[in-house]
Amino acid sequence: MAHPGTSPLTADLADLPKLVQRMRAGERRAIARAVTELERLSAAAPGLLAAMRPYLGHAVVVGVTGPPGAGKSTLLNAYTRHLRGQGKSVGVIAVDPSSPISGGAILGDRIRMTAALDDDGVFMRSLASRGHLGGMSPAAVRVIDALDAAGRDVILIETVGTGQTDIDVAEVADVRIVITAPGLGDDIQAMKSGLIEIADILVVNKGDREGAEHTVQHLRGALSLKPDARAKVPVLKVTATTGEGVAALADAIEEAAAREAAEPLARRRRRARYLIARAAADLVVERVRKGAGTVIDALADEVLAGAVLPADAARKLIDG
């Protein structure tokens, strides 16, 4: 018990191994505290990551992406209910778009996921994308670790959903689901040249709408033009609002997870590579901003004069 005058925050962070054990016991406040510290990358985050390390690598991470209006949140809600019916614990990370000006975001977790209400077997956290164009941010990977260490059986990640740029989830998830719906013709065209490439499972949600079967056939036709591995990707019709097709989707996810099974260390290494790549990109952006008006302007003049290619100018900038 905390001493009189000790804040809950101080008490939570005073003994990080104990905090992790409370997380593993399913204590919601302990999980929330760990998620917050890791999302903020606070001073406690390195020690917390070290304390969690022995418990990482067991959860199945399922990434869900697709265009706006496809019903990603509704489908995740239905799938979460299905998992809870099987007695599995669930963690949900919902990434919301951030304002490019203020950096603010509307984090609508209670609006999105009614399955998370009053169920200690479900923990949900909304995260801001913080301007990252891949549909999520590196903070999501740290939150995955928190939910994994807390013993969640399945961790679901819902990306921003801005179109075919939401591909970071391919580097992070064990199973990747791309969702669309009837009536999103332009988005399906974009998917064929972008998101469809990362999918382990394609889902046509709102399957009770007119045109759903046509959309299924359209996607299967697109897959048939891809290499053999892509041609075998299942295309499922689901109606998330009624639950129709959710059991079949759950079976497909289990099959994909078994097919893509790798050692826990290999799965974590893939996520670590993503973090390194994002950090490197951020360093480059920072260097470009700091070089504005000096080195970068000189390089820009060389590019304009045709004396150097942009890629070579970038290498000069990075190499110093």
Protein backbone atom coordinates (compact mmCIF):
# COMPACT_ATOMS: atom_id res chain seq x y z
CA MET A 1 0.00 0.00 0.00
CA ALA A 2 1.25 3.50 -0.82
CA HIS A 3 2.44 5.69 2.06
CA PRO A 4 0.24 8.65 3.05
CA GLY A 5 0.83 11.50 0.65
CA THR A 6 2.20 9.21 -2.07
CA SER A 7 0.41 9.71 -5.39
CA PRO A 8 -0.93 6.69 -7.32
CA LEU A 9 1.53 7.53 -10.11
CA THR A 10 4.51 7.48 -7.76
CA ALA A 11 3.31 4.24 -6.19
CA ASP A 12 2.81 2.58 -9.59
CA LEU A 13 6.29 3.47 -10.82
CA ALA A 14 8.18 2.88 -7.58
CA ASP A 15 8.48 -0.87 -8.23
CA LEU A 16 8.34 -1.66 -11.96
CA PRO A 17 8.63 -5.48 -11.64
CA LYS A 18 5.68 -5.35 -9.24
CA LEU A 19 3.77 -3.19 -11.72
CA VAL A 20 4.34 -5.84 -14.39
CA GLN A 21 3.07 -8.57 -12.08
CA ARG A 22 -0.06 -6.52 -11.42
CA MET A 23 -0.49 -6.19 -15.19
CA ARG A 24 -0.20 -9.94 -15.59
CA ALA A 25 -2.82 -10.40 -12.89
CA GLY A 26 -5.19 -8.41 -15.11
CA GLU A 27 -5.30 -5.23 -13.03
CA ARG A 28 -6.68 -2.60 -15.37
CA ARG A 29 -5.06 0.36 -13.62
CA ALA A 30 -1.63 -1.26 -13.84
CA ILE A 31 -2.05 -1.94 -17.57
CA ALA A 32 -3.28 1.61 -18.16
CA ARG A 33 -0.29 3.05 -16.28
CA ALA A 34 2.19 0.97 -18.29
CA VAL A 35 0.51 1.86 -21.58
CA THR A 36 0.59 5.57 -20.72
CA GLU A 37 4.27 5.54 -19.77
CA LEU A 38 5.25 3.65 -22.91
CA GLU A 39 3.08 5.79 -25.18
CA ARG A 40 4.70 8.94 -23.76
CA LEU A 41 8.15 7.29 -23.75
CA SER A 42 8.60 8.69 -20.27
CA ALA A 43 11.68 8.35 -18.07
CA ALA A 44 10.17 5.15 -16.65
CA ALA A 45 9.71 3.54 -20.09
CA PRO A 46 13.19 1.93 -20.49
CA GLY A 47 12.99 0.27 -17.07
CA LEU A 48 9.42 -0.82 -17.72
CA LEU A 49 10.38 -2.38 -21.06
CA ALA A 50 13.21 -4.25 -19.33
CA ALA A 51 10.84 -5.56 -16.66
CA MET A 52 8.35 -6.73 -19.31
CA ARG A 53 10.93 -8.42 -21.54
CA PRO A 54 10.64 -11.96 -20.08
CA TYR A 55 6.91 -11.99 -20.83
CA LEU A 56 6.93 -10.84 -24.45
CA GLY A 57 6.25 -12.72 -27.66
CA HIS A 58 3.16 -14.79 -26.84
CA ALA A 59 0.22 -12.72 -28.12
CA VAL A 60 -1.07 -12.96 -31.69
CA VAL A 61 -1.05 -9.46 -33.20
CA VAL A 62 -3.78 -8.83 -35.78
CA GLY A 63 -3.63 -5.64 -37.85
CA VAL A 64 -6.75 -4.21 -39.48
CA THR A 65 -6.70 -1.52 -42.11
CA GLY A 66 -8.79 -0.29 -45.02
CA PRO A 67 -10.47 2.82 -46.42
CA PRO A 68 -12.79 5.10 -44.41
CA GLY A 69 -16.37 3.87 -44.28
CA ALA A 70 -15.49 0.19 -44.46
CA GLY A 71 -16.61 -0.46 -40.88
CA LYS A 72 -13.28 -1.38 -39.31
CA SER A 73 -14.30 -0.46 -35.76
CA THR A 74 -17.62 -2.26 -36.02
CA LEU A 75 -15.90 -5.39 -37.28
CA LEU A 76 -13.29 -5.26 -34.52
CA ASN A 77 -16.10 -4.93 -31.99
CA ALA A 78 -17.81 -8.04 -33.37
CA TYR A 79 -14.56 -10.01 -33.53
CA THR A 80 -13.71 -9.01 -29.96
CA ARG A 81 -17.06 -10.33 -28.77
CA HIS A 82 -16.34 -13.59 -30.60
CA LEU A 83 -12.94 -13.93 -28.92
CA ARG A 84 -14.40 -13.22 -25.50
CA GLY A 85 -16.98 -15.91 -26.14
CA GLN A 86 -14.05 -18.30 -26.56
CA GLY A 87 -12.56 -17.14 -23.27
CA LYS A 88 -9.65 -15.29 -24.88
CA SER A 89 -8.37 -11.99 -23.51
CA VAL A 90 -8.05 -9.10 -25.94
CA GLY A 91 -6.07 -5.89 -26.27
CA VAL A 92 -7.17 -3.26 -28.78
CA ILE A 93 -5.06 -0.40 -30.13
CA ALA A 94 -7.06 2.06 -32.22
CA VAL A 95 -4.96 4.65 -34.04
CA ASP A 96 -6.70 7.96 -34.72
CA PRO A 97 -5.54 10.64 -37.15
CA SER A 98 -3.71 13.64 -35.71
CA SER A 99 -4.02 17.22 -36.87
CA PRO A 100 -0.96 18.14 -38.94
CA ILE A 101 -1.12 21.62 -37.36
CA SER A 102 -1.89 21.12 -33.67
CA GLY A 103 -1.02 17.45 -33.36
CA GLY A 104 -4.33 16.87 -31.58
CA ALA A 105 -6.56 13.87 -32.19
CA ILE A 106 -10.05 12.75 -31.27
CA LEU A 107 -9.47 9.54 -29.35
CA GLY A 108 -12.84 7.83 -29.50
CA ASP A 109 -12.27 4.49 -27.80
CA ARG A 110 -15.53 4.42 -25.82
CA ILE A 111 -17.47 5.38 -28.94
CA ARG A 112 -15.83 2.71 -31.09
CA MET A 113 -15.79 -0.38 -28.91
CA THR A 114 -18.83 -1.27 -26.83
CA ALA A 115 -17.36 -4.75 -26.33
CA ALA A 116 -14.67 -3.18 -24.15
CA LEU A 117 -17.11 -1.67 -21.67
CA ASP A 118 -17.11 -3.27 -18.23
CA ASP A 119 -15.10 -6.30 -19.39
CA ASP A 120 -11.75 -6.79 -17.71
CA GLY A 121 -10.88 -9.29 -20.42
CA VAL A 122 -10.69 -6.44 -22.94
CA PHE A 123 -8.34 -3.49 -22.71
CA MET A 124 -8.52 -0.74 -25.32
CA ARG A 125 -6.42 2.34 -25.89
CA SER A 126 -6.75 4.94 -28.63
CA LEU A 127 -3.49 6.44 -29.86
CA ALA A 128 -2.80 9.47 -32.02
CA SER A 129 -0.96 8.79 -35.28
CA ARG A 130 1.20 11.86 -34.53
CA GLY A 131 1.60 12.67 -38.20
CA HIS A 132 3.02 9.31 -39.26
CA LEU A 133 1.80 8.50 -42.75
CA GLY A 134 1.84 4.71 -42.42
CA GLY A 135 -1.43 4.60 -40.50
CA MET A 136 0.12 4.24 -37.04
CA SER A 137 2.99 5.48 -34.91
CA PRO A 138 5.96 3.81 -33.18
CA ALA A 139 4.12 4.27 -29.87
CA ALA A 140 1.75 1.51 -31.01
CA VAL A 141 4.61 -1.02 -30.96
CA ARG A 142 5.46 -0.14 -27.37
CA VAL A 143 1.79 -0.50 -26.43
CA ILE A 144 1.76 -3.92 -28.11
CA ASP A 145 4.57 -4.92 -25.75
CA ALA A 146 2.56 -3.72 -22.73
CA LEU A 147 -0.52 -5.70 -23.73
CA ASP A 148 1.60 -8.74 -24.61
CA ALA A 149 3.34 -8.63 -21.23
CA ALA A 150 -0.09 -8.29 -19.59
CA GLY A 151 -0.96 -11.70 -21.00
CA ARG A 152 -3.48 -10.70 -23.66
CA ASP A 153 -4.10 -13.62 -26.04
CA VAL A 154 -4.90 -11.46 -29.07
CA ILE A 155 -3.91 -7.85 -29.75
CA LEU A 156 -5.87 -5.98 -32.41
CA ILE A 157 -4.53 -2.87 -34.14
CA GLU A 158 -6.84 -0.64 -36.13
CA THR A 159 -4.98 1.84 -38.34
CA VAL A 160 -6.02 5.38 -39.17
CA GLY A 161 -7.73 4.22 -42.35
CA THR A 162 -6.76 6.93 -44.80
CA GLY A 163 -6.21 4.66 -47.78
CA GLN A 164 -3.34 2.77 -49.35
CA THR A 165 -0.67 4.53 -47.25
CA ASP A 166 -1.67 2.53 -44.16
CA ILE A 167 1.03 -0.09 -44.67
CA ASP A 168 3.11 0.17 -41.49
CA VAL A 169 0.83 -2.45 -39.97
CA ALA A 170 2.41 -4.99 -42.33
CA GLU A 171 5.69 -4.62 -40.44
CA VAL A 172 4.06 -4.94 -37.02
CA ALA A 173 1.21 -7.46 -37.22
CA ASP A 174 1.39 -11.24 -37.40
CA VAL A 175 -1.88 -11.36 -39.39
CA ARG A 176 -2.91 -8.49 -41.66
CA ILE A 177 -6.56 -7.90 -42.57
CA VAL A 178 -7.69 -5.39 -45.19
CA ILE A 179 -11.36 -4.39 -45.05
CA THR A 180 -13.55 -2.77 -47.67
CA ALA A 181 -17.28 -2.53 -48.31
CA PRO A 182 -19.71 -2.33 -51.26
CA GLY A 183 -19.92 1.06 -52.88
CA LEU A 184 -16.31 2.03 -52.31
CA GLY A 185 -15.29 1.52 -55.93
CA ASP A 186 -12.53 4.12 -56.02
CA ASP A 187 -11.05 2.76 -52.82
CA ILE A 188 -11.03 -0.77 -54.21
CA GLN A 189 -9.06 0.51 -57.20
CA ALA A 190 -6.56 2.03 -54.78
CA MET A 191 -6.44 -1.16 -52.76
CA LYS A 192 -5.56 -3.16 -55.84
CA SER A 193 -2.38 -1.14 -56.22
CA GLY A 194 -1.58 -0.70 -52.55
CA LEU A 195 -3.22 -2.24 -49.51
CA ILE A 196 -4.09 -5.49 -51.24
CA GLU A 197 -0.38 -6.28 -51.36
CA ILE A 198 -0.09 -6.58 -47.58
CA ALA A 199 -3.27 -8.58 -46.88
CA ASP A 200 -3.31 -12.07 -45.40
CA ILE A 201 -7.12 -11.86 -45.42
CA LEU A 202 -9.44 -9.58 -47.41
CA VAL A 203 -12.84 -8.78 -45.89
CA VAL A 204 -15.87 -7.30 -47.60
CA ASN A 205 -17.86 -5.87 -44.70
CA LYS A 206 -21.54 -4.84 -44.88
CA GLY A 207 -22.19 -8.08 -46.75
CA ASP A 208 -25.96 -7.55 -46.57
CA ARG A 209 -25.72 -4.56 -48.88
CA GLU A 210 -26.38 -4.63 -52.59
CA GLY A 211 -23.18 -5.17 -54.51
CA ALA A 212 -21.38 -7.11 -51.78
CA GLU A 213 -20.99 -10.26 -53.84
CA HIS A 214 -19.79 -8.20 -56.80
CA THR A 215 -17.13 -6.63 -54.57
CA VAL A 216 -16.02 -10.09 -53.42
CA GLN A 217 -15.67 -11.25 -57.03
CA HIS A 218 -13.90 -8.03 -57.98
CA LEU A 219 -11.26 -8.60 -55.30
CA ARG A 220 -10.86 -12.28 -56.16
CA GLY A 221 -10.33 -11.26 -59.76
CA ALA A 222 -7.66 -8.77 -58.70
CA LEU A 223 -5.92 -11.45 -56.63
CA SER A 224 -5.97 -13.90 -59.53
CA LEU A 225 -3.65 -11.53 -61.42
CA LYS A 226 -1.11 -11.57 -58.60
CA PRO A 227 1.68 -14.09 -57.95
CA ASP A 228 0.65 -17.48 -56.56
CA ALA A 229 0.96 -16.51 -52.89
CA ARG A 230 -1.36 -13.52 -53.34
CA ALA A 231 -3.87 -15.54 -55.36
CA LYS A 232 -4.50 -17.77 -52.32
CA VAL A 233 -5.49 -14.92 -50.00
CA PRO A 234 -9.06 -15.57 -48.78
CA VAL A 235 -11.79 -13.03 -49.53
CA LEU A 236 -14.56 -13.19 -46.94
CA LYS A 237 -17.99 -11.55 -46.85
CA VAL A 238 -18.96 -10.36 -43.36
CA THR A 239 -21.79 -8.32 -41.85
CA ALA A 240 -20.30 -7.02 -38.63
CA THR A 241 -23.53 -5.45 -37.36
CA THR A 242 -25.25 -8.85 -37.23
CA GLY A 243 -22.20 -11.02 -36.64
CA GLU A 244 -22.71 -12.98 -39.85
CA GLY A 245 -19.38 -14.29 -41.14
CA VAL A 246 -17.41 -13.33 -38.02
CA ALA A 247 -16.84 -16.97 -37.00
CA ALA A 248 -15.47 -17.75 -40.46
CA LEU A 249 -13.18 -14.71 -40.20
CA ALA A 250 -11.95 -15.91 -36.79
CA ASP A 251 -11.12 -19.30 -38.30
CA ALA A 252 -9.26 -17.64 -41.18
CA ILE A 253 -7.26 -15.54 -38.71
CA GLU A 254 -6.27 -18.67 -36.75
CA GLU A 255 -5.21 -20.40 -39.97
CA ALA A 256 -3.18 -17.37 -41.09
CA ALA A 257 -1.53 -17.08 -37.67
CA ALA A 258 -0.54 -20.76 -37.79
CA ARG A 259 0.70 -20.43 -41.37
CA GLU A 260 2.75 -17.35 -40.57
CA ALA A 261 3.92 -18.72 -37.23
CA ALA A 262 7.43 -17.71 -36.28
CA GLU A 263 9.47 -17.86 -33.12
CA PRO A 264 8.53 -15.11 -30.65
CA LEU A 265 11.97 -13.59 -31.03
CA ALA A 266 11.56 -13.40 -34.81
CA ARG A 267 8.21 -11.62 -34.47
CA ARG A 268 9.65 -9.15 -32.00
CA ARG A 269 12.71 -8.60 -34.18
CA ARG A 270 10.45 -7.61 -37.08
CA ARG A 271 8.78 -4.99 -34.90
CA ALA A 272 12.18 -3.79 -33.67
CA ARG A 273 13.28 -3.30 -37.28
CA TYR A 274 10.20 -1.15 -37.84
CA LEU A 275 11.06 0.98 -34.80
CA ILE A 276 14.64 1.44 -35.99
CA ALA A 277 13.46 2.44 -39.48
CA ARG A 278 10.96 4.96 -38.08
CA ALA A 279 13.58 6.42 -35.73
CA ALA A 280 16.04 6.74 -38.60
CA ALA A 281 13.42 8.50 -40.72
CA ASP A 282 12.66 10.91 -37.87
CA LEU A 283 16.37 11.70 -37.50
CA VAL A 284 16.61 12.48 -41.21
CA VAL A 285 13.59 14.80 -41.00
CA GLU A 286 15.11 16.54 -37.97
CA ARG A 287 18.42 16.98 -39.78
CA VAL A 288 16.66 18.42 -42.83
CA ARG A 289 14.76 20.91 -40.67
CA LYS A 290 17.88 21.97 -38.81
CA GLY A 291 19.73 22.39 -42.10
CA ALA A 292 17.11 24.69 -43.58
CA GLY A 293 18.68 27.88 -44.89
CA THR A 294 22.22 26.51 -44.82
CA VAL A 295 23.43 23.14 -46.04
CA ILE A 296 20.11 22.02 -47.47
CA ASP A 297 19.72 25.24 -49.48
CA ALA A 298 23.15 24.71 -51.03
CA LEU A 299 22.16 21.16 -51.93
CA ALA A 300 18.83 22.39 -53.31
CA ASP A 301 20.72 24.79 -55.60
CA GLU A 302 22.88 21.90 -56.83
CA VAL A 303 19.75 19.85 -57.59
CA LEU A 304 18.17 22.81 -59.44
CA ALA A 305 21.35 23.27 -61.46
CA GLY A 306 21.34 19.62 -62.44
CA ALA A 307 24.72 19.10 -60.78
CA VAL A 308 23.43 16.40 -58.43
CA LEU A 309 20.44 14.09 -58.22
CA PRO A 310 18.04 14.44 -55.26
CA ALA A 311 19.01 10.98 -53.99
CA ASP A 312 22.68 11.92 -54.02
CA ALA A 313 21.89 15.20 -52.27
CA ALA A 314 20.05 13.23 -49.59
CA ARG A 315 23.08 10.99 -49.07
CA LYS A 316 25.31 14.06 -48.69
CA LEU A 317 22.91 15.46 -46.11
CA ILE A 318 22.74 12.22 -44.11
CA ASP A 319 26.49 11.61 -44.27
CA GLY A 320 27.12 15.13 -43.04
